[in-house]
């Protein structure tokens, strides 16, 4: 899975491109309609973990996140923008985007976001938050609500003596979201291990540091 990294400067204006995100959801989102499997959204670790059976249906899942893919046109334009931002002399050199400006050019359309929020509410989810860049939605629910919404059993697993929970199979979503939803996170409690960051010191006494570049994922 590719994650787009943008440099963000809130106070600086940006050249607005001449396109807006297209609406990709036609009609309402209906879990009773044709569906598809969102492949690649189970944790590999469960293949060798000890399955302890289903979790309690009331288990809270406090932060489930749907991440959205850009359209091919958006991806192409974004790559061009990133190249232009790093090309000295280009009109867009160091013209960074705010998350809201990113949303208007490369995020999901506001119309589609409204449909997604309505759909999630109809499934019983709460605490729904839309990312400022409109490339993700985060929400909360119970294991029972997630299992019903995404047609996926959530089990307890034992890994190296530690208890975890995770979805046992890949989630299943309405066909209308195929190609738009990139991934679902938060159906398990496996977290990536933090990696150490080695600072680049600019003085011999190492009292000051400099970050070569500031990347913010939105």
C-alpha atoms as a PDB file:
ATOM      1  CA  UNK A   1       0.000   0.000   0.000  1.00  0.00           C
ATOM      2  CA  UNK A   2       1.324   3.365  -1.033  1.00  0.00           C
ATOM      3  CA  UNK A   3       1.016   6.309   1.305  1.00  0.00           C
ATOM      4  CA  UNK A   4       1.197   9.780  -0.169  1.00  0.00           C
ATOM      5  CA  UNK A   5       3.430  12.160   1.785  1.00  0.00           C
ATOM      6  CA  UNK A   6       2.929  15.900   1.387  1.00  0.00           C
ATOM      7  CA  UNK A   7       4.866  18.873   2.707  1.00  0.00           C
ATOM      8  CA  UNK A   8       2.431  21.221   4.433  1.00  0.00           C
ATOM      9  CA  UNK A   9       2.881  24.950   5.156  1.00  0.00           C
ATOM     10  CA  UNK A  10      -0.283  26.520   6.519  1.00  0.00           C
ATOM     11  CA  UNK A  11       0.497  30.182   5.932  1.00  0.00           C
ATOM     12  CA  UNK A  12       1.687  30.079   2.350  1.00  0.00           C
ATOM     13  CA  UNK A  13      -0.708  30.382  -0.639  1.00  0.00           C
ATOM     14  CA  UNK A  14      -0.820  27.666  -3.276  1.00  0.00           C
ATOM     15  CA  UNK A  15      -1.668  27.584  -6.941  1.00  0.00           C
ATOM     16  CA  UNK A  16      -5.108  25.951  -7.190  1.00  0.00           C
ATOM     17  CA  UNK A  17      -5.409  23.396  -9.951  1.00  0.00           C
ATOM     18  CA  UNK A  18      -8.317  23.486 -12.371  1.00  0.00           C
ATOM     19  CA  UNK A  19     -10.016  20.250 -11.324  1.00  0.00           C
ATOM     20  CA  UNK A  20     -12.168  19.080  -8.436  1.00  0.00           C
ATOM     21  CA  UNK A  21     -12.553  15.547  -7.054  1.00  0.00           C
ATOM     22  CA  UNK A  22     -15.121  13.588  -9.080  1.00  0.00           C
ATOM     23  CA  UNK A  23     -18.094  11.907  -7.405  1.00  0.00           C
ATOM     24  CA  UNK A  24     -17.509   8.169  -7.584  1.00  0.00           C
ATOM     25  CA  UNK A  25     -20.461   6.824  -5.606  1.00  0.00           C
ATOM     26  CA  UNK A  26     -23.563   6.618  -7.753  1.00  0.00           C
ATOM     27  CA  UNK A  27     -26.717   6.220  -5.692  1.00  0.00           C
ATOM     28  CA  UNK A  28     -26.759   5.239  -2.048  1.00  0.00           C
ATOM     29  CA  UNK A  29     -24.381   2.761  -0.389  1.00  0.00           C
ATOM     30  CA  UNK A  30     -26.302  -0.415   0.390  1.00  0.00           C
ATOM     31  CA  UNK A  31     -24.904  -3.419   2.259  1.00  0.00           C
ATOM     32  CA  UNK A  32     -27.606  -5.573   0.680  1.00  0.00           C
ATOM     33  CA  UNK A  33     -26.290  -4.891  -2.815  1.00  0.00           C
ATOM     34  CA  UNK A  34     -23.534  -6.700  -4.704  1.00  0.00           C
ATOM     35  CA  UNK A  35     -20.295  -6.908  -2.714  1.00  0.00           C
ATOM     36  CA  UNK A  36     -16.543  -7.410  -3.113  1.00  0.00           C
ATOM     37  CA  UNK A  37     -13.691  -8.652  -0.918  1.00  0.00           C
ATOM     38  CA  UNK A  38     -11.206  -5.989   0.190  1.00  0.00           C
ATOM     39  CA  UNK A  39      -8.126  -8.173  -0.193  1.00  0.00           C
ATOM     40  CA  UNK A  40      -4.966  -7.715   1.847  1.00  0.00           C
ATOM     41  CA  UNK A  41      -6.681  -6.498   4.999  1.00  0.00           C
ATOM     42  CA  UNK A  42      -5.944  -9.302   7.440  1.00  0.00           C
ATOM     43  CA  UNK A  43      -2.854  -9.452   9.632  1.00  0.00           C
ATOM     44  CA  UNK A  44      -0.363 -12.098   8.434  1.00  0.00           C
ATOM     45  CA  UNK A  45       0.416 -12.938  12.065  1.00  0.00           C
ATOM     46  CA  UNK A  46      -2.943 -14.674  12.539  1.00  0.00           C
ATOM     47  CA  UNK A  47      -1.862 -17.433  10.145  1.00  0.00           C
ATOM     48  CA  UNK A  48       0.347 -18.860  12.892  1.00  0.00           C
ATOM     49  CA  UNK A  49      -1.414 -17.442  15.971  1.00  0.00           C
ATOM     50  CA  UNK A  50      -3.497 -19.608  18.265  1.00  0.00           C
ATOM     51  CA  UNK A  51      -7.181 -18.916  17.558  1.00  0.00           C
ATOM     52  CA  UNK A  52      -9.099 -18.480  20.815  1.00  0.00           C
ATOM     53  CA  UNK A  53     -12.531 -18.082  19.225  1.00  0.00           C
ATOM     54  CA  UNK A  54     -14.901 -15.176  18.751  1.00  0.00           C
ATOM     55  CA  UNK A  55     -14.565 -11.992  20.781  1.00  0.00           C
ATOM     56  CA  UNK A  56     -17.330 -10.660  22.979  1.00  0.00           C
ATOM     57  CA  UNK A  57     -19.829  -8.890  20.662  1.00  0.00           C
ATOM     58  CA  UNK A  58     -19.694  -5.810  22.917  1.00  0.00           C
ATOM     59  CA  UNK A  59     -15.920  -5.430  22.521  1.00  0.00           C
ATOM     60  CA  UNK A  60     -15.302  -1.748  21.693  1.00  0.00           C
ATOM     61  CA  UNK A  61     -13.385  -0.918  18.527  1.00  0.00           C
ATOM     62  CA  UNK A  62     -12.562   2.737  19.219  1.00  0.00           C
ATOM     63  CA  UNK A  63     -10.764   3.711  16.043  1.00  0.00           C
ATOM     64  CA  UNK A  64     -11.684   2.008  12.773  1.00  0.00           C
ATOM     65  CA  UNK A  65     -10.370   3.804   9.698  1.00  0.00           C
ATOM     66  CA  UNK A  66     -11.363   3.585   6.057  1.00  0.00           C
ATOM     67  CA  UNK A  67      -8.599   4.920   3.816  1.00  0.00           C
ATOM     68  CA  UNK A  68      -9.461   5.966   0.266  1.00  0.00           C
ATOM     69  CA  UNK A  69      -7.543   5.609  -2.966  1.00  0.00           C
ATOM     70  CA  UNK A  70      -7.051   8.499  -5.360  1.00  0.00           C
ATOM     71  CA  UNK A  71      -8.341   8.218  -8.899  1.00  0.00           C
ATOM     72  CA  UNK A  72      -5.725   7.544 -11.621  1.00  0.00           C
ATOM     73  CA  UNK A  73      -6.024  11.172 -12.737  1.00  0.00           C
ATOM     74  CA  UNK A  74      -5.564  12.465  -9.196  1.00  0.00           C
ATOM     75  CA  UNK A  75      -2.531  10.213  -8.685  1.00  0.00           C
ATOM     76  CA  UNK A  76      -0.945  11.483 -11.892  1.00  0.00           C
ATOM     77  CA  UNK A  77      -1.605  15.126 -11.038  1.00  0.00           C
ATOM     78  CA  UNK A  78      -0.331  14.669  -7.503  1.00  0.00           C
ATOM     79  CA  UNK A  79       2.942  13.163  -8.697  1.00  0.00           C
ATOM     80  CA  UNK A  80       3.332  16.108 -11.053  1.00  0.00           C
ATOM     81  CA  UNK A  81       2.637  18.576  -8.241  1.00  0.00           C
ATOM     82  CA  UNK A  82       5.193  16.908  -5.966  1.00  0.00           C
ATOM     83  CA  UNK A  83       7.771  17.060  -8.751  1.00  0.00           C
ATOM     84  CA  UNK A  84       6.990  20.725  -9.452  1.00  0.00           C
ATOM     85  CA  UNK A  85       7.248  21.604  -5.750  1.00  0.00           C
ATOM     86  CA  UNK A  86      10.802  20.273  -5.709  1.00  0.00           C
ATOM     87  CA  UNK A  87      11.911  21.897  -8.983  1.00  0.00           C
ATOM     88  CA  UNK A  88      13.629  25.230  -8.423  1.00  0.00           C
ATOM     89  CA  UNK A  89      12.311  27.831 -10.838  1.00  0.00           C
ATOM     90  CA  UNK A  90       8.963  26.104 -11.308  1.00  0.00           C
ATOM     91  CA  UNK A  91       5.897  28.250 -10.585  1.00  0.00           C
ATOM     92  CA  UNK A  92       4.863  25.723  -7.933  1.00  0.00           C
ATOM     93  CA  UNK A  93       8.293  25.412  -6.298  1.00  0.00           C
ATOM     94  CA  UNK A  94       7.774  25.153  -2.520  1.00  0.00           C
ATOM     95  CA  UNK A  95       4.076  25.994  -2.890  1.00  0.00           C
ATOM     96  CA  UNK A  96       2.882  23.604  -0.192  1.00  0.00           C
ATOM     97  CA  UNK A  97      -0.700  22.455   0.256  1.00  0.00           C
ATOM     98  CA  UNK A  98      -2.821  22.666   3.383  1.00  0.00           C
ATOM     99  CA  UNK A  99      -4.938  19.575   4.110  1.00  0.00           C
ATOM    100  CA  UNK A 100      -8.029  21.445   2.934  1.00  0.00           C
ATOM    101  CA  UNK A 101      -6.363  22.372  -0.360  1.00  0.00           C
ATOM    102  CA  UNK A 102      -5.302  18.761  -0.769  1.00  0.00           C
ATOM    103  CA  UNK A 103      -8.906  17.683  -0.154  1.00  0.00           C
ATOM    104  CA  UNK A 104     -10.249  19.975  -2.874  1.00  0.00           C
ATOM    105  CA  UNK A 105      -7.847  18.562  -5.443  1.00  0.00           C
ATOM    106  CA  UNK A 106      -6.898  15.039  -4.450  1.00  0.00           C
ATOM    107  CA  UNK A 107      -9.363  13.877  -1.810  1.00  0.00           C
ATOM    108  CA  UNK A 108     -12.757  12.214  -2.041  1.00  0.00           C
ATOM    109  CA  UNK A 109     -15.544  14.533  -3.187  1.00  0.00           C
ATOM    110  CA  UNK A 110     -17.672  16.186  -0.509  1.00  0.00           C
ATOM    111  CA  UNK A 111     -20.748  14.507  -1.984  1.00  0.00           C
ATOM    112  CA  UNK A 112     -19.181  11.053  -1.631  1.00  0.00           C
ATOM    113  CA  UNK A 113     -18.030  11.841   1.916  1.00  0.00           C
ATOM    114  CA  UNK A 114     -21.599  12.723   2.881  1.00  0.00           C
ATOM    115  CA  UNK A 115     -22.826   9.390   1.516  1.00  0.00           C
ATOM    116  CA  UNK A 116     -20.106   7.505   3.381  1.00  0.00           C
ATOM    117  CA  UNK A 117     -20.938   9.239   6.664  1.00  0.00           C
ATOM    118  CA  UNK A 118     -24.657   8.496   6.195  1.00  0.00           C
ATOM    119  CA  UNK A 119     -23.856   4.846   5.461  1.00  0.00           C
ATOM    120  CA  UNK A 120     -21.642   4.450   8.524  1.00  0.00           C
ATOM    121  CA  UNK A 121     -24.270   6.016  10.778  1.00  0.00           C
ATOM    122  CA  UNK A 122     -26.917   3.661   9.392  1.00  0.00           C
ATOM    123  CA  UNK A 123     -24.705   0.743  10.451  1.00  0.00           C
ATOM    124  CA  UNK A 124     -24.585   1.992  14.041  1.00  0.00           C
ATOM    125  CA  UNK A 125     -21.105   3.498  14.078  1.00  0.00           C
ATOM    126  CA  UNK A 126     -20.381   6.640  16.090  1.00  0.00           C
ATOM    127  CA  UNK A 127     -17.646   9.252  16.638  1.00  0.00           C
ATOM    128  CA  UNK A 128     -17.292   9.615  12.865  1.00  0.00           C
ATOM    129  CA  UNK A 129     -14.429  11.916  11.865  1.00  0.00           C
ATOM    130  CA  UNK A 130     -13.440  12.886   8.324  1.00  0.00           C
ATOM    131  CA  UNK A 131      -9.741  13.548   7.720  1.00  0.00           C
ATOM    132  CA  UNK A 132      -9.025  17.131   6.713  1.00  0.00           C
ATOM    133  CA  UNK A 133      -7.537  15.850   3.464  1.00  0.00           C
ATOM    134  CA  UNK A 134     -10.743  13.836   2.805  1.00  0.00           C
ATOM    135  CA  UNK A 135      -8.711  10.686   2.190  1.00  0.00           C
ATOM    136  CA  UNK A 136      -9.887   8.790   5.278  1.00  0.00           C
ATOM    137  CA  UNK A 137     -12.787   8.424   7.708  1.00  0.00           C
ATOM    138  CA  UNK A 138     -12.367   7.246  11.289  1.00  0.00           C
ATOM    139  CA  UNK A 139     -15.201   5.947  13.452  1.00  0.00           C
ATOM    140  CA  UNK A 140     -15.998   3.801  16.487  1.00  0.00           C
ATOM    141  CA  UNK A 141     -18.232   0.815  17.092  1.00  0.00           C
ATOM    142  CA  UNK A 142     -18.487  -2.587  18.694  1.00  0.00           C
ATOM    143  CA  UNK A 143     -17.206  -5.903  17.406  1.00  0.00           C
ATOM    144  CA  UNK A 144     -20.791  -6.909  16.623  1.00  0.00           C
ATOM    145  CA  UNK A 145     -21.358  -3.768  14.537  1.00  0.00           C
ATOM    146  CA  UNK A 146     -18.104  -4.244  12.629  1.00  0.00           C
ATOM    147  CA  UNK A 147     -18.807  -7.924  12.006  1.00  0.00           C
ATOM    148  CA  UNK A 148     -22.255  -7.116  10.618  1.00  0.00           C
ATOM    149  CA  UNK A 149     -21.066  -4.161   8.528  1.00  0.00           C
ATOM    150  CA  UNK A 150     -18.033  -5.828   6.979  1.00  0.00           C
ATOM    151  CA  UNK A 151     -19.179  -9.471   7.110  1.00  0.00           C
ATOM    152  CA  UNK A 152     -16.054 -10.479   8.963  1.00  0.00           C
ATOM    153  CA  UNK A 153     -15.625 -12.528  12.159  1.00  0.00           C
ATOM    154  CA  UNK A 154     -13.393 -10.973  14.797  1.00  0.00           C
ATOM    155  CA  UNK A 155     -11.522 -13.510  16.917  1.00  0.00           C
ATOM    156  CA  UNK A 156      -9.215 -13.579  19.895  1.00  0.00           C
ATOM    157  CA  UNK A 157      -5.668 -14.766  19.191  1.00  0.00           C
ATOM    158  CA  UNK A 158      -2.708 -15.777  21.306  1.00  0.00           C
ATOM    159  CA  UNK A 159       0.664 -14.691  19.896  1.00  0.00           C
ATOM    160  CA  UNK A 160       3.862 -15.384  21.847  1.00  0.00           C
ATOM    161  CA  UNK A 161       1.852 -15.569  25.031  1.00  0.00           C
ATOM    162  CA  UNK A 162       0.095 -12.241  24.405  1.00  0.00           C
ATOM    163  CA  UNK A 163      -3.642 -11.883  23.827  1.00  0.00           C
ATOM    164  CA  UNK A 164      -4.879  -9.971  20.762  1.00  0.00           C
ATOM    165  CA  UNK A 165      -7.970  -9.664  18.630  1.00  0.00           C
ATOM    166  CA  UNK A 166      -8.228  -9.389  14.842  1.00  0.00           C
ATOM    167  CA  UNK A 167     -10.509  -9.956  11.884  1.00  0.00           C
ATOM    168  CA  UNK A 168     -10.196 -13.564  10.738  1.00  0.00           C
ATOM    169  CA  UNK A 169     -10.812 -12.888   7.025  1.00  0.00           C
ATOM    170  CA  UNK A 170     -10.684  -9.933   4.669  1.00  0.00           C
ATOM    171  CA  UNK A 171     -13.589  -7.468   4.990  1.00  0.00           C
ATOM    172  CA  UNK A 172     -16.465  -7.492   2.500  1.00  0.00           C
ATOM    173  CA  UNK A 173     -17.859  -4.171   1.269  1.00  0.00           C
ATOM    174  CA  UNK A 174     -20.611  -2.959  -1.067  1.00  0.00           C
ATOM    175  CA  UNK A 175     -19.549  -3.159  -4.712  1.00  0.00           C
ATOM    176  CA  UNK A 176     -20.072   0.564  -5.175  1.00  0.00           C
ATOM    177  CA  UNK A 177     -16.980   1.181  -3.017  1.00  0.00           C
ATOM    178  CA  UNK A 178     -14.674  -1.073  -5.034  1.00  0.00           C
ATOM    179  CA  UNK A 179     -11.552   0.773  -6.188  1.00  0.00           C
ATOM    180  CA  UNK A 180     -12.315   3.615  -3.807  1.00  0.00           C
ATOM    181  CA  UNK A 181     -11.678   2.060  -0.385  1.00  0.00           C
ATOM    182  CA  UNK A 182      -7.980   1.311  -0.100  1.00  0.00           C
ATOM    183  CA  UNK A 183      -7.895  -0.333   3.317  1.00  0.00           C
ATOM    184  CA  UNK A 184      -9.615  -0.812   6.657  1.00  0.00           C
ATOM    185  CA  UNK A 185      -7.626  -0.483   9.854  1.00  0.00           C
ATOM    186  CA  UNK A 186      -8.738  -0.832  13.463  1.00  0.00           C
ATOM    187  CA  UNK A 187     -10.393  -4.239  13.296  1.00  0.00           C
ATOM    188  CA  UNK A 188      -7.447  -5.577  15.293  1.00  0.00           C
ATOM    189  CA  UNK A 189      -5.166  -4.432  18.093  1.00  0.00           C
ATOM    190  CA  UNK A 190      -1.856  -5.271  16.441  1.00  0.00           C
ATOM    191  CA  UNK A 191       0.190  -2.086  16.261  1.00  0.00           C
ATOM    192  CA  UNK A 192       3.372  -1.432  14.278  1.00  0.00           C
ATOM    193  CA  UNK A 193       6.509  -1.307  16.363  1.00  0.00           C
ATOM    194  CA  UNK A 194       8.028   2.197  16.544  1.00  0.00           C
ATOM    195  CA  UNK A 195      11.256   2.675  14.660  1.00  0.00           C
ATOM    196  CA  UNK A 196      13.995   4.873  16.026  1.00  0.00           C
ATOM    197  CA  UNK A 197      14.741   8.137  14.220  1.00  0.00           C
ATOM    198  CA  UNK A 198      18.368   9.141  13.981  1.00  0.00           C
ATOM    199  CA  UNK A 199      18.654  12.967  13.933  1.00  0.00           C
ATOM    200  CA  UNK A 200      21.021  14.700  11.545  1.00  0.00           C
ATOM    201  CA  UNK A 201      23.221  16.969  13.688  1.00  0.00           C
ATOM    202  CA  UNK A 202      24.428  20.189  12.092  1.00  0.00           C
ATOM    203  CA  UNK A 203      26.905  21.301  14.728  1.00  0.00           C
ATOM    204  CA  UNK A 204      29.940  19.574  16.132  1.00  0.00           C
ATOM    205  CA  UNK A 205      28.752  19.918  19.700  1.00  0.00           C
ATOM    206  CA  UNK A 206      25.443  18.307  18.671  1.00  0.00           C
ATOM    207  CA  UNK A 207      23.371  20.883  20.524  1.00  0.00           C
ATOM    208  CA  UNK A 208      21.192  21.601  17.516  1.00  0.00           C
ATOM    209  CA  UNK A 209      19.476  19.341  15.050  1.00  0.00           C
ATOM    210  CA  UNK A 210      17.943  19.783  11.648  1.00  0.00           C
ATOM    211  CA  UNK A 211      15.276  17.776   9.940  1.00  0.00           C
ATOM    212  CA  UNK A 212      16.186  17.429   6.288  1.00  0.00           C
ATOM    213  CA  UNK A 213      12.501  17.343   5.359  1.00  0.00           C
ATOM    214  CA  UNK A 214       9.210  17.431   7.247  1.00  0.00           C
ATOM    215  CA  UNK A 215       6.755  14.861   5.945  1.00  0.00           C
ATOM    216  CA  UNK A 216       3.191  14.864   7.124  1.00  0.00           C
ATOM    217  CA  UNK A 217       0.821  12.069   6.188  1.00  0.00           C
ATOM    218  CA  UNK A 218      -2.749  13.164   5.722  1.00  0.00           C
END
